[in-house]
PDB file of N, CA and C in Angstrom:
ATOM      1  N   GLN A   1      56.794  64.703 127.494  1.00  0.00           N
ATOM      2  CA  GLN A   1      55.314  65.420 127.856  1.00  0.00           C
ATOM      3  C   GLN A   1      55.074  64.315 128.606  1.00  0.00           C
ATOM      4  N   VAL A   2      54.618  64.396 129.872  1.00  0.00           N
ATOM      5  CA  VAL A   2      54.543  63.240 130.920  1.00  0.00           C
ATOM      6  C   VAL A   2      52.761  63.573 130.914  1.00  0.00           C
ATOM      7  N   GLN A   3      51.730  62.718 130.995  1.00  0.00           N
ATOM      8  CA  GLN A   3      50.202  62.982 131.238  1.00  0.00           C
ATOM      9  C   GLN A   3      49.970  61.802 132.033  1.00  0.00           C
ATOM     10  N   LEU A   4      49.310  62.616 133.392  1.00  0.00           N
ATOM     11  CA  LEU A   4      48.948  61.377 134.422  1.00  0.00           C
ATOM     12  C   LEU A   4      47.605  61.506 134.598  1.00  0.00           C
ATOM     13  N   VAL A   5      46.910  60.271 135.373  1.00  0.00           N
ATOM     14  CA  VAL A   5      45.588  60.125 135.643  1.00  0.00           C
ATOM     15  C   VAL A   5      45.662  59.299 136.890  1.00  0.00           C
ATOM     16  N   GLU A   6      44.671  59.562 137.889  1.00  0.00           N
ATOM     17  CA  GLU A   6      44.618  59.124 139.264  1.00  0.00           C
ATOM     18  C   GLU A   6      43.732  58.302 139.431  1.00  0.00           C
ATOM     19  N   SER A   7      43.713  57.396 140.175  1.00  0.00           N
ATOM     20  CA  SER A   7      42.126  56.616 140.681  1.00  0.00           C
ATOM     21  C   SER A   7      42.657  55.977 141.944  1.00  0.00           C
ATOM     22  N   GLY A   8      41.490  55.353 142.211  1.00  0.00           N
ATOM     23  CA  GLY A   8      41.178  54.670 143.726  1.00  0.00           C
ATOM     24  C   GLY A   8      40.981  55.756 144.598  1.00  0.00           C
ATOM     25  N   GLY A   9      40.921  56.932 144.442  1.00  0.00           N
ATOM     26  CA  GLY A   9      40.316  57.309 145.548  1.00  0.00           C
ATOM     27  C   GLY A   9      38.780  56.958 145.935  1.00  0.00           C
ATOM     28  N   GLY A  10      37.634  57.681 147.090  1.00  0.00           N
ATOM     29  CA  GLY A  10      37.062  57.206 147.713  1.00  0.00           C
ATOM     30  C   GLY A  10      36.280  57.507 148.910  1.00  0.00           C
ATOM     31  N   LEU A  11      35.515  57.105 149.654  1.00  0.00           N
ATOM     32  CA  LEU A  11      34.943  56.949 150.724  1.00  0.00           C
ATOM     33  C   LEU A  11      35.658  55.729 151.454  1.00  0.00           C
ATOM     34  N   VAL A  12      35.899  56.330 153.030  1.00  0.00           N
ATOM     35  CA  VAL A  12      36.111  54.983 153.715  1.00  0.00           C
ATOM     36  C   VAL A  12      36.550  55.494 155.004  1.00  0.00           C
ATOM     37  N   GLN A  13      36.109  54.265 155.871  1.00  0.00           N
ATOM     38  CA  GLN A  13      36.003  54.744 157.193  1.00  0.00           C
ATOM     39  C   GLN A  13      37.384  54.757 158.141  1.00  0.00           C
ATOM     40  N   ALA A  14      37.698  55.630 158.900  1.00  0.00           N
ATOM     41  CA  ALA A  14      38.585  55.789 159.693  1.00  0.00           C
ATOM     42  C   ALA A  14      39.084  54.110 160.131  1.00  0.00           C
ATOM     43  N   GLY A  15      40.590  54.117 160.313  1.00  0.00           N
ATOM     44  CA  GLY A  15      40.984  52.773 160.061  1.00  0.00           C
ATOM     45  C   GLY A  15      41.191  52.016 158.800  1.00  0.00           C
ATOM     46  N   GLY A  16      40.329  52.278 157.754  1.00  0.00           N
ATOM     47  CA  GLY A  16      40.558  51.544 156.890  1.00  0.00           C
ATOM     48  C   GLY A  16      41.715  51.990 155.499  1.00  0.00           C
ATOM     49  N   SER A  17      41.771  51.233 154.577  1.00  0.00           N
ATOM     50  CA  SER A  17      42.825  51.280 153.642  1.00  0.00           C
ATOM     51  C   SER A  17      42.350  51.675 152.460  1.00  0.00           C
ATOM     52  N   LEU A  18      43.007  52.496 151.458  1.00  0.00           N
ATOM     53  CA  LEU A  18      43.297  52.762 150.191  1.00  0.00           C
ATOM     54  C   LEU A  18      44.156  52.551 149.529  1.00  0.00           C
ATOM     55  N   ARG A  19      44.116  52.066 148.145  1.00  0.00           N
ATOM     56  CA  ARG A  19      45.398  51.963 147.135  1.00  0.00           C
ATOM     57  C   ARG A  19      45.005  53.350 146.239  1.00  0.00           C
ATOM     58  N   LEU A  20      45.801  53.844 146.134  1.00  0.00           N
ATOM     59  CA  LEU A  20      45.561  54.863 144.926  1.00  0.00           C
ATOM     60  C   LEU A  20      46.538  54.582 143.898  1.00  0.00           C
ATOM     61  N   SER A  21      46.380  54.568 142.366  1.00  0.00           N
ATOM     62  CA  SER A  21      46.967  54.689 141.138  1.00  0.00           C
ATOM     63  C   SER A  21      47.256  55.882 140.363  1.00  0.00           C
ATOM     64  N   CYS A  22      48.641  55.791 139.865  1.00  0.00           N
ATOM     65  CA  CYS A  22      48.914  56.938 139.169  1.00  0.00           C
ATOM     66  C   CYS A  22      48.755  56.509 137.804  1.00  0.00           C
ATOM     67  N   SER A  23      48.558  56.700 136.419  1.00  0.00           N
ATOM     68  CA  SER A  23      49.375  55.911 135.654  1.00  0.00           C
ATOM     69  C   SER A  23      49.225  57.104 134.186  1.00  0.00           C
ATOM     70  N   ALA A  24      51.005  56.867 133.837  1.00  0.00           N
ATOM     71  CA  ALA A  24      51.415  57.739 133.057  1.00  0.00           C
ATOM     72  C   ALA A  24      51.944  57.664 131.443  1.00  0.00           C
ATOM     73  N   SER A  25      51.682  58.415 130.505  1.00  0.00           N
ATOM     74  CA  SER A  25      51.849  58.417 129.119  1.00  0.00           C
ATOM     75  C   SER A  25      53.159  58.519 129.089  1.00  0.00           C
ATOM     76  N   GLY A  26      53.569  58.236 127.952  1.00  0.00           N
ATOM     77  CA  GLY A  26      54.941  58.495 127.680  1.00  0.00           C
ATOM     78  C   GLY A  26      56.084  57.323 127.868  1.00  0.00           C
ATOM     79  N   ARG A  27      57.079  57.179 126.985  1.00  0.00           N
ATOM     80  CA  ARG A  27      57.586  56.158 127.148  1.00  0.00           C
ATOM     81  C   ARG A  27      59.015  56.234 127.904  1.00  0.00           C
ATOM     82  N   THR A  28      59.400  57.447 128.432  1.00  0.00           N
ATOM     83  CA  THR A  28      60.116  57.660 129.112  1.00  0.00           C
ATOM     84  C   THR A  28      60.032  57.926 130.967  1.00  0.00           C
ATOM     85  N   PHE A  29      58.690  57.231 131.012  1.00  0.00           N
ATOM     86  CA  PHE A  29      58.507  57.378 132.619  1.00  0.00           C
ATOM     87  C   PHE A  29      59.274  56.407 133.575  1.00  0.00           C
ATOM     88  N   GLY A  30      60.365  55.734 133.242  1.00  0.00           N
ATOM     89  CA  GLY A  30      61.239  55.265 133.905  1.00  0.00           C
ATOM     90  C   GLY A  30      62.270  56.360 134.217  1.00  0.00           C
ATOM     91  N   SER A  31      62.520  57.325 133.654  1.00  0.00           N
ATOM     92  CA  SER A  31      63.551  58.797 133.899  1.00  0.00           C
ATOM     93  C   SER A  31      62.697  59.676 134.972  1.00  0.00           C
ATOM     94  N   TYR A  32      61.414  59.429 135.173  1.00  0.00           N
ATOM     95  CA  TYR A  32      60.881  60.472 136.122  1.00  0.00           C
ATOM     96  C   TYR A  32      60.789  60.253 137.438  1.00  0.00           C
ATOM     97  N   ALA A  33      61.213  61.165 138.738  1.00  0.00           N
ATOM     98  CA  ALA A  33      61.053  60.622 140.058  1.00  0.00           C
ATOM     99  C   ALA A  33      59.327  61.195 140.223  1.00  0.00           C
ATOM    100  N   MET A  34      58.398  60.500 141.071  1.00  0.00           N
ATOM    101  CA  MET A  34      57.028  60.244 141.013  1.00  0.00           C
ATOM    102  C   MET A  34      56.810  60.738 142.221  1.00  0.00           C
ATOM    103  N   GLY A  35      55.778  61.569 142.672  1.00  0.00           N
ATOM    104  CA  GLY A  35      55.570  62.222 144.159  1.00  0.00           C
ATOM    105  C   GLY A  35      54.178  61.997 144.297  1.00  0.00           C
ATOM    106  N   TRP A  36      53.368  62.054 145.028  1.00  0.00           N
ATOM    107  CA  TRP A  36      52.077  62.064 145.479  1.00  0.00           C
ATOM    108  C   TRP A  36      51.934  63.556 146.602  1.00  0.00           C
ATOM    109  N   PHE A  37      51.218  64.316 146.588  1.00  0.00           N
ATOM    110  CA  PHE A  37      50.906  65.556 147.273  1.00  0.00           C
ATOM    111  C   PHE A  37      49.256  65.482 147.209  1.00  0.00           C
ATOM    112  N   ARG A  38      48.914  66.189 148.682  1.00  0.00           N
ATOM    113  CA  ARG A  38      47.583  66.239 148.943  1.00  0.00           C
ATOM    114  C   ARG A  38      46.971  67.621 149.177  1.00  0.00           C
ATOM    115  N   GLN A  39      45.889  67.766 148.859  1.00  0.00           N
ATOM    116  CA  GLN A  39      45.215  69.399 149.045  1.00  0.00           C
ATOM    117  C   GLN A  39      44.094  69.174 150.364  1.00  0.00           C
ATOM    118  N   ALA A  40      43.695  69.616 151.024  1.00  0.00           N
ATOM    119  CA  ALA A  40      42.572  69.662 152.096  1.00  0.00           C
ATOM    120  C   ALA A  40      41.747  71.039 151.641  1.00  0.00           C
ATOM    121  N   PRO A  41      40.631  71.151 151.850  1.00  0.00           N
ATOM    122  CA  PRO A  41      39.846  72.399 151.337  1.00  0.00           C
ATOM    123  C   PRO A  41      40.433  73.417 152.434  1.00  0.00           C
ATOM    124  N   GLY A  42      40.811  74.982 151.733  1.00  0.00           N
ATOM    125  CA  GLY A  42      41.339  76.024 152.234  1.00  0.00           C
ATOM    126  C   GLY A  42      42.734  75.914 152.697  1.00  0.00           C
ATOM    127  N   LYS A  43      43.704  74.744 152.473  1.00  0.00           N
ATOM    128  CA  LYS A  43      44.607  74.441 152.684  1.00  0.00           C
ATOM    129  C   LYS A  43      45.438  74.277 151.471  1.00  0.00           C
ATOM    130  N   GLU A  44      47.059  74.549 151.718  1.00  0.00           N
ATOM    131  CA  GLU A  44      47.843  74.536 150.506  1.00  0.00           C
ATOM    132  C   GLU A  44      48.212  73.007 150.173  1.00  0.00           C
ATOM    133  N   ARG A  45      48.454  72.733 148.900  1.00  0.00           N
ATOM    134  CA  ARG A  45      49.479  71.400 148.457  1.00  0.00           C
ATOM    135  C   ARG A  45      50.458  71.175 149.194  1.00  0.00           C
ATOM    136  N   ASP A  46      50.391  69.919 150.095  1.00  0.00           N
ATOM    137  CA  ASP A  46      51.372  69.227 150.932  1.00  0.00           C
ATOM    138  C   ASP A  46      51.811  67.814 150.027  1.00  0.00           C
ATOM    139  N   PHE A  47      53.407  67.901 150.588  1.00  0.00           N
ATOM    140  CA  PHE A  47      53.743  66.789 150.093  1.00  0.00           C
ATOM    141  C   PHE A  47      53.199  65.446 151.099  1.00  0.00           C
ATOM    142  N   VAL A  48      53.510  64.284 149.920  1.00  0.00           N
ATOM    143  CA  VAL A  48      52.908  63.043 150.929  1.00  0.00           C
ATOM    144  C   VAL A  48      54.037  62.089 150.915  1.00  0.00           C
ATOM    145  N   ALA A  49      54.571  61.714 149.999  1.00  0.00           N
ATOM    146  CA  ALA A  49      55.495  60.652 149.437  1.00  0.00           C
ATOM    147  C   ALA A  49      56.026  60.963 148.375  1.00  0.00           C
ATOM    148  N   ALA A  50      57.500  60.011 147.788  1.00  0.00           N
ATOM    149  CA  ALA A  50      57.588  60.561 146.841  1.00  0.00           C
ATOM    150  C   ALA A  50      58.839  59.372 146.534  1.00  0.00           C
ATOM    151  N   ILE A  51      59.245  59.291 145.282  1.00  0.00           N
ATOM    152  CA  ILE A  51      59.810  58.031 145.030  1.00  0.00           C
ATOM    153  C   ILE A  51      61.101  58.183 143.986  1.00  0.00           C
ATOM    154  N   THR A  52      61.987  57.297 143.655  1.00  0.00           N
ATOM    155  CA  THR A  52      63.325  57.959 142.696  1.00  0.00           C
ATOM    156  C   THR A  52      62.800  57.028 141.199  1.00  0.00           C
ATOM    157  N   TRP A  53      63.437  56.887 140.555  1.00  0.00           N
ATOM    158  CA  TRP A  53      62.682  57.002 139.146  1.00  0.00           C
ATOM    159  C   TRP A  53      62.933  55.084 138.825  1.00  0.00           C
ATOM    160  N   SER A  54      64.166  54.599 140.093  1.00  0.00           N
ATOM    161  CA  SER A  54      64.388  53.626 139.755  1.00  0.00           C
ATOM    162  C   SER A  54      63.545  52.650 141.199  1.00  0.00           C
ATOM    163  N   GLY A  55      63.002  53.351 141.796  1.00  0.00           N
ATOM    164  CA  GLY A  55      62.173  52.714 142.712  1.00  0.00           C
ATOM    165  C   GLY A  55      62.462  52.477 144.260  1.00  0.00           C
ATOM    166  N   GLY A  56      63.618  52.994 144.258  1.00  0.00           N
ATOM    167  CA  GLY A  56      64.394  53.217 145.588  1.00  0.00           C
ATOM    168  C   GLY A  56      64.286  54.421 146.425  1.00  0.00           C
ATOM    169  N   SER A  57      64.881  54.333 147.863  1.00  0.00           N
ATOM    170  CA  SER A  57      64.841  55.604 148.688  1.00  0.00           C
ATOM    171  C   SER A  57      63.631  56.260 148.673  1.00  0.00           C
ATOM    172  N   PRO A  58      62.190  55.577 148.942  1.00  0.00           N
ATOM    173  CA  PRO A  58      60.966  56.360 149.293  1.00  0.00           C
ATOM    174  C   PRO A  58      61.293  57.234 150.450  1.00  0.00           C
ATOM    175  N   TYR A  59      60.394  58.631 149.923  1.00  0.00           N
ATOM    176  CA  TYR A  59      60.287  59.885 151.085  1.00  0.00           C
ATOM    177  C   TYR A  59      58.801  59.496 151.500  1.00  0.00           C
ATOM    178  N   TYR A  60      58.914  60.293 152.779  1.00  0.00           N
ATOM    179  CA  TYR A  60      57.390  60.264 153.404  1.00  0.00           C
ATOM    180  C   TYR A  60      57.141  61.339 154.200  1.00  0.00           C
ATOM    181  N   ALA A  61      56.282  61.971 154.017  1.00  0.00           N
ATOM    182  CA  ALA A  61      56.267  63.351 155.319  1.00  0.00           C
ATOM    183  C   ALA A  61      55.813  62.534 156.807  1.00  0.00           C
ATOM    184  N   ASP A  62      56.538  63.421 157.814  1.00  0.00           N
ATOM    185  CA  ASP A  62      56.056  62.714 159.157  1.00  0.00           C
ATOM    186  C   ASP A  62      54.733  61.884 159.360  1.00  0.00           C
ATOM    187  N   SER A  63      53.834  63.035 158.679  1.00  0.00           N
ATOM    188  CA  SER A  63      52.388  62.545 159.326  1.00  0.00           C
ATOM    189  C   SER A  63      51.687  61.214 158.536  1.00  0.00           C
ATOM    190  N   VAL A  64      52.494  60.775 157.386  1.00  0.00           N
ATOM    191  CA  VAL A  64      52.116  59.182 156.804  1.00  0.00           C
ATOM    192  C   VAL A  64      52.959  58.586 157.017  1.00  0.00           C
ATOM    193  N   LYS A  65      53.960  58.564 157.592  1.00  0.00           N
ATOM    194  CA  LYS A  65      55.418  57.401 157.720  1.00  0.00           C
ATOM    195  C   LYS A  65      54.967  56.191 158.735  1.00  0.00           C
ATOM    196  N   GLY A  66      54.952  55.265 158.086  1.00  0.00           N
ATOM    197  CA  GLY A  66      54.753  53.939 159.171  1.00  0.00           C
ATOM    198  C   GLY A  66      53.003  53.555 158.079  1.00  0.00           C
ATOM    199  N   ARG A  67      52.233  54.574 157.799  1.00  0.00           N
ATOM    200  CA  ARG A  67      50.648  54.106 157.348  1.00  0.00           C
ATOM    201  C   ARG A  67      50.735  53.956 155.778  1.00  0.00           C
ATOM    202  N   PHE A  68      51.442  54.959 155.181  1.00  0.00           N
ATOM    203  CA  PHE A  68      51.511  54.792 153.764  1.00  0.00           C
ATOM    204  C   PHE A  68      53.224  54.170 153.017  1.00  0.00           C
ATOM    205  N   THR A  69      52.516  53.856 152.017  1.00  0.00           N
ATOM    206  CA  THR A  69      53.781  52.906 150.952  1.00  0.00           C
ATOM    207  C   THR A  69      53.597  53.783 150.124  1.00  0.00           C
ATOM    208  N   ILE A  70      54.366  54.280 149.107  1.00  0.00           N
ATOM    209  CA  ILE A  70      54.511  54.580 147.427  1.00  0.00           C
ATOM    210  C   ILE A  70      55.460  53.608 146.919  1.00  0.00           C
ATOM    211  N   SER A  71      55.040  53.165 145.788  1.00  0.00           N
ATOM    212  CA  SER A  71      55.641  52.322 145.194  1.00  0.00           C
ATOM    213  C   SER A  71      55.409  52.785 143.455  1.00  0.00           C
ATOM    214  N   ARG A  72      56.068  52.082 142.823  1.00  0.00           N
ATOM    215  CA  ARG A  72      56.196  52.232 141.141  1.00  0.00           C
ATOM    216  C   ARG A  72      56.814  50.947 140.606  1.00  0.00           C
ATOM    217  N   ASP A  73      55.584  50.579 139.437  1.00  0.00           N
ATOM    218  CA  ASP A  73      55.850  49.583 138.180  1.00  0.00           C
ATOM    219  C   ASP A  73      56.259  50.251 137.484  1.00  0.00           C
ATOM    220  N   ASN A  74      57.607  50.449 136.805  1.00  0.00           N
ATOM    221  CA  ASN A  74      57.825  51.031 135.481  1.00  0.00           C
ATOM    222  C   ASN A  74      57.584  50.366 134.622  1.00  0.00           C
ATOM    223  N   ALA A  75      57.383  49.233 134.278  1.00  0.00           N
ATOM    224  CA  ALA A  75      56.896  48.284 132.850  1.00  0.00           C
ATOM    225  C   ALA A  75      55.431  48.576 132.707  1.00  0.00           C
ATOM    226  N   LYS A  76      54.858  48.854 133.516  1.00  0.00           N
ATOM    227  CA  LYS A  76      53.053  49.605 133.731  1.00  0.00           C
ATOM    228  C   LYS A  76      53.349  50.753 133.612  1.00  0.00           C
ATOM    229  N   ASN A  77      54.247  51.713 133.833  1.00  0.00           N
ATOM    230  CA  ASN A  77      53.933  53.336 133.813  1.00  0.00           C
ATOM    231  C   ASN A  77      53.146  53.310 135.067  1.00  0.00           C
ATOM    232  N   THR A  78      53.104  53.087 135.899  1.00  0.00           N
ATOM    233  CA  THR A  78      52.215  53.355 137.162  1.00  0.00           C
ATOM    234  C   THR A  78      52.886  53.482 138.488  1.00  0.00           C
ATOM    235  N   VAL A  79      52.519  54.316 139.296  1.00  0.00           N
ATOM    236  CA  VAL A  79      52.973  54.221 140.591  1.00  0.00           C
ATOM    237  C   VAL A  79      52.055  54.467 141.549  1.00  0.00           C
ATOM    238  N   TYR A  80      52.106  53.786 142.586  1.00  0.00           N
ATOM    239  CA  TYR A  80      50.809  53.307 143.352  1.00  0.00           C
ATOM    240  C   TYR A  80      51.206  54.334 144.911  1.00  0.00           C
ATOM    241  N   LEU A  81      50.282  54.559 145.918  1.00  0.00           N
ATOM    242  CA  LEU A  81      50.233  55.013 146.794  1.00  0.00           C
ATOM    243  C   LEU A  81      49.487  54.232 148.074  1.00  0.00           C
ATOM    244  N   GLN A  82      49.554  53.334 148.685  1.00  0.00           N
ATOM    245  CA  GLN A  82      49.091  52.395 149.365  1.00  0.00           C
ATOM    246  C   GLN A  82      48.829  52.778 151.229  1.00  0.00           C
ATOM    247  N   MET A  83      47.737  53.497 151.221  1.00  0.00           N
ATOM    248  CA  MET A  83      47.398  54.174 152.489  1.00  0.00           C
ATOM    249  C   MET A  83      46.729  53.766 153.469  1.00  0.00           C
ATOM    250  N   ASN A  84      47.046  52.988 154.821  1.00  0.00           N
ATOM    251  CA  ASN A  84      46.715  52.274 155.512  1.00  0.00           C
ATOM    252  C   ASN A  84      46.442  52.991 156.802  1.00  0.00           C
ATOM    253  N   SER A  85      45.307  52.259 157.651  1.00  0.00           N
ATOM    254  CA  SER A  85      45.188  53.117 158.902  1.00  0.00           C
ATOM    255  C   SER A  85      44.604  54.691 158.675  1.00  0.00           C
ATOM    256  N   LEU A  86      43.919  54.675 157.890  1.00  0.00           N
ATOM    257  CA  LEU A  86      43.606  56.174 157.542  1.00  0.00           C
ATOM    258  C   LEU A  86      42.926  56.607 158.482  1.00  0.00           C
ATOM    259  N   LYS A  87      43.106  57.919 158.745  1.00  0.00           N
ATOM    260  CA  LYS A  87      42.578  59.291 159.769  1.00  0.00           C
ATOM    261  C   LYS A  87      41.579  60.289 159.233  1.00  0.00           C
ATOM    262  N   PRO A  88      40.694  60.592 159.471  1.00  0.00           N
ATOM    263  CA  PRO A  88      39.882  61.467 158.976  1.00  0.00           C
ATOM    264  C   PRO A  88      40.839  62.881 158.612  1.00  0.00           C
ATOM    265  N   GLU A  89      42.092  63.083 159.199  1.00  0.00           N
ATOM    266  CA  GLU A  89      42.800  64.436 159.238  1.00  0.00           C
ATOM    267  C   GLU A  89      43.497  63.832 157.219  1.00  0.00           C
ATOM    268  N   ASP A  90      43.636  62.978 156.874  1.00  0.00           N
ATOM    269  CA  ASP A  90      43.834  62.390 155.868  1.00  0.00           C
ATOM    270  C   ASP A  90      42.924  62.809 154.560  1.00  0.00           C
ATOM    271  N   THR A  91      41.839  63.508 154.784  1.00  0.00           N
ATOM    272  CA  THR A  91      40.770  63.663 154.063  1.00  0.00           C
ATOM    273  C   THR A  91      41.725  64.710 152.834  1.00  0.00           C
ATOM    274  N   ALA A  92      41.423  64.561 151.401  1.00  0.00           N
ATOM    275  CA  ALA A  92      41.676  65.579 150.758  1.00  0.00           C
ATOM    276  C   ALA A  92      41.787  65.018 149.353  1.00  0.00           C
ATOM    277  N   VAL A  93      41.940  66.114 148.487  1.00  0.00           N
ATOM    278  CA  VAL A  93      42.333  65.407 147.312  1.00  0.00           C
ATOM    279  C   VAL A  93      43.840  64.942 147.075  1.00  0.00           C
ATOM    280  N   TYR A  94      44.078  63.950 146.207  1.00  0.00           N
ATOM    281  CA  TYR A  94      45.547  63.200 146.334  1.00  0.00           C
ATOM    282  C   TYR A  94      45.953  63.756 144.517  1.00  0.00           C
ATOM    283  N   TYR A  95      46.869  64.162 144.662  1.00  0.00           N
ATOM    284  CA  TYR A  95      47.782  64.315 143.460  1.00  0.00           C
ATOM    285  C   TYR A  95      49.099  63.556 143.128  1.00  0.00           C
ATOM    286  N   CYS A  96      49.370  63.273 141.631  1.00  0.00           N
ATOM    287  CA  CYS A  96      50.434  62.326 141.432  1.00  0.00           C
ATOM    288  C   CYS A  96      51.300  63.557 140.448  1.00  0.00           C
ATOM    289  N   ALA A  97      52.760  63.326 140.711  1.00  0.00           N
ATOM    290  CA  ALA A  97      53.375  64.502 140.400  1.00  0.00           C
ATOM    291  C   ALA A  97      54.233  63.929 139.453  1.00  0.00           C
ATOM    292  N   ALA A  98      55.615  64.377 138.607  1.00  0.00           N
ATOM    293  CA  ALA A  98      56.213  63.951 138.195  1.00  0.00           C
ATOM    294  C   ALA A  98      57.262  65.143 137.862  1.00  0.00           C
ATOM    295  N   LYS A  99      58.528  64.847 138.102  1.00  0.00           N
ATOM    296  CA  LYS A  99      60.044  65.358 137.721  1.00  0.00           C
ATOM    297  C   LYS A  99      60.597  64.861 137.226  1.00  0.00           C
ATOM    298  N   TYR A 100      61.380  65.603 136.444  1.00  0.00           N
ATOM    299  CA  TYR A 100      62.441  64.575 135.305  1.00  0.00           C
ATOM    300  C   TYR A 100      63.756  64.702 136.213  1.00  0.00           C
ATOM    301  N   GLY A 101      64.653  63.718 136.431  1.00  0.00           N
ATOM    302  CA  GLY A 101      65.737  63.644 137.641  1.00  0.00           C
ATOM    303  C   GLY A 101      65.657  63.108 138.696  1.00  0.00           C
ATOM    304  N   MET A 102      66.348  63.763 139.618  1.00  0.00           N
ATOM    305  CA  MET A 102      66.194  63.623 141.147  1.00  0.00           C
ATOM    306  C   MET A 102      64.767  63.646 141.856  1.00  0.00           C
ATOM    307  N   VAL A 103      64.502  63.134 142.907  1.00  0.00           N
ATOM    308  CA  VAL A 103      63.252  63.210 143.439  1.00  0.00           C
ATOM    309  C   VAL A 103      63.429  64.283 144.406  1.00  0.00           C
ATOM    310  N   THR A 104      62.538  65.276 145.150  1.00  0.00           N
ATOM    311  CA  THR A 104      62.340  65.972 145.773  1.00  0.00           C
ATOM    312  C   THR A 104      61.135  66.040 146.602  1.00  0.00           C
ATOM    313  N   THR A 105      60.996  66.757 147.531  1.00  0.00           N
ATOM    314  CA  THR A 105      59.855  66.800 148.144  1.00  0.00           C
ATOM    315  C   THR A 105      59.286  68.131 148.325  1.00  0.00           C
ATOM    316  N   ARG A 106      59.637  69.266 147.207  1.00  0.00           N
ATOM    317  CA  ARG A 106      58.748  70.228 147.275  1.00  0.00           C
ATOM    318  C   ARG A 106      58.053  70.290 146.068  1.00  0.00           C
ATOM    319  N   THR A 107      56.792  71.182 146.127  1.00  0.00           N
ATOM    320  CA  THR A 107      55.502  70.984 145.132  1.00  0.00           C
ATOM    321  C   THR A 107      56.270  71.731 144.095  1.00  0.00           C
ATOM    322  N   ASP A 108      57.019  72.590 143.990  1.00  0.00           N
ATOM    323  CA  ASP A 108      57.192  73.441 143.137  1.00  0.00           C
ATOM    324  C   ASP A 108      58.272  72.792 141.900  1.00  0.00           C
ATOM    325  N   ASP A 109      58.714  72.010 142.415  1.00  0.00           N
ATOM    326  CA  ASP A 109      59.903  71.133 141.495  1.00  0.00           C
ATOM    327  C   ASP A 109      59.429  70.233 140.189  1.00  0.00           C
ATOM    328  N   TYR A 110      57.885  69.789 140.999  1.00  0.00           N
ATOM    329  CA  TYR A 110      57.404  68.811 139.970  1.00  0.00           C
ATOM    330  C   TYR A 110      56.653  69.467 138.839  1.00  0.00           C
ATOM    331  N   ASP A 111      56.957  68.895 137.776  1.00  0.00           N
ATOM    332  CA  ASP A 111      56.514  69.927 136.235  1.00  0.00           C
ATOM    333  C   ASP A 111      54.735  69.253 135.880  1.00  0.00           C
ATOM    334  N   TYR A 112      55.016  68.217 136.071  1.00  0.00           N
ATOM    335  CA  TYR A 112      53.533  67.305 135.716  1.00  0.00           C
ATOM    336  C   TYR A 112      52.865  66.897 136.701  1.00  0.00           C
ATOM    337  N   TRP A 113      51.216  67.564 136.095  1.00  0.00           N
ATOM    338  CA  TRP A 113      50.087  66.848 137.746  1.00  0.00           C
ATOM    339  C   TRP A 113      49.300  66.184 136.738  1.00  0.00           C
ATOM    340  N   GLY A 114      48.800  65.424 137.741  1.00  0.00           N
ATOM    341  CA  GLY A 114      47.381  64.674 137.351  1.00  0.00           C
ATOM    342  C   GLY A 114      46.084  65.748 137.641  1.00  0.00           C
ATOM    343  N   GLN A 115      45.095  65.201 137.422  1.00  0.00           N
ATOM    344  CA  GLN A 115      44.287  66.032 137.994  1.00  0.00           C
ATOM    345  C   GLN A 115      43.159  65.755 139.409  1.00  0.00           C
ATOM    346  N   GLY A 116      43.819  64.917 139.875  1.00  0.00           N
ATOM    347  CA  GLY A 116      43.638  64.721 141.679  1.00  0.00           C
ATOM    348  C   GLY A 116      42.235  63.497 141.479  1.00  0.00           C
ATOM    349  N   THR A 117      42.343  63.186 142.842  1.00  0.00           N
ATOM    350  CA  THR A 117      41.420  62.432 143.282  1.00  0.00           C
ATOM    351  C   THR A 117      40.921  62.326 144.392  1.00  0.00           C
ATOM    352  N   GLN A 118      39.616  62.405 144.973  1.00  0.00           N
ATOM    353  CA  GLN A 118      39.400  62.634 146.378  1.00  0.00           C
ATOM    354  C   GLN A 118      39.317  61.255 147.312  1.00  0.00           C
ATOM    355  N   VAL A 119      39.965  61.522 148.549  1.00  0.00           N
ATOM    356  CA  VAL A 119      40.054  60.866 149.694  1.00  0.00           C
ATOM    357  C   VAL A 119      39.204  61.088 150.984  1.00  0.00           C
ATOM    358  N   THR A 120      38.231  60.635 151.152  1.00  0.00           N
ATOM    359  CA  THR A 120      37.353  61.132 152.058  1.00  0.00           C
ATOM    360  C   THR A 120      37.094  60.090 153.424  1.00  0.00           C
ATOM    361  N   VAL A 121      38.101  60.378 154.750  1.00  0.00           N
ATOM    362  CA  VAL A 121      37.831  59.717 155.836  1.00  0.00           C
ATOM    363  C   VAL A 121      36.860  59.582 156.969  1.00  0.00           C
ATOM    364  N   SER A 122      35.792  58.981 157.060  1.00  0.00           N
ATOM    365  CA  SER A 122      34.941  59.207 157.885  1.00  0.00           C
ATOM    366  C   SER A 122      34.966  58.754 159.034  1.00  0.00           C
ATOM    367  N   SER A 123      34.875  59.382 160.556  1.00  0.00           N
ATOM    368  CA  SER A 123      35.084  58.831 161.691  1.00  0.00           C
ATOM    369  C   SER A 123      34.499  58.247 162.384  1.00  0.00           C
TER     370      SER A 123
END
């Protein structure tokens, strides 16, 4: 069982930056692939970024490639999402998710989810 708690969301102007954090419980955090997803009002939950259990081979949605960076610190049971050059279309609730084993970009593959943190980008 893994419990996830996101933090770091907020209101930022276009072009600004935010860093989201996701703290995980459980001693086997290092065995889980981790992902970030987001959901805007009235839209489906979409993939943003994911990272393997070892921290290698990050994956990104095309819409955030070159602006967002996912990383993890297994010693701290934490995964991060550094978001730069934010745009109004990045406004959404951002969710952290975990799955045992191989990393994927599919929402349905993830077993554990945090409660979400709101990111609002003003123009």
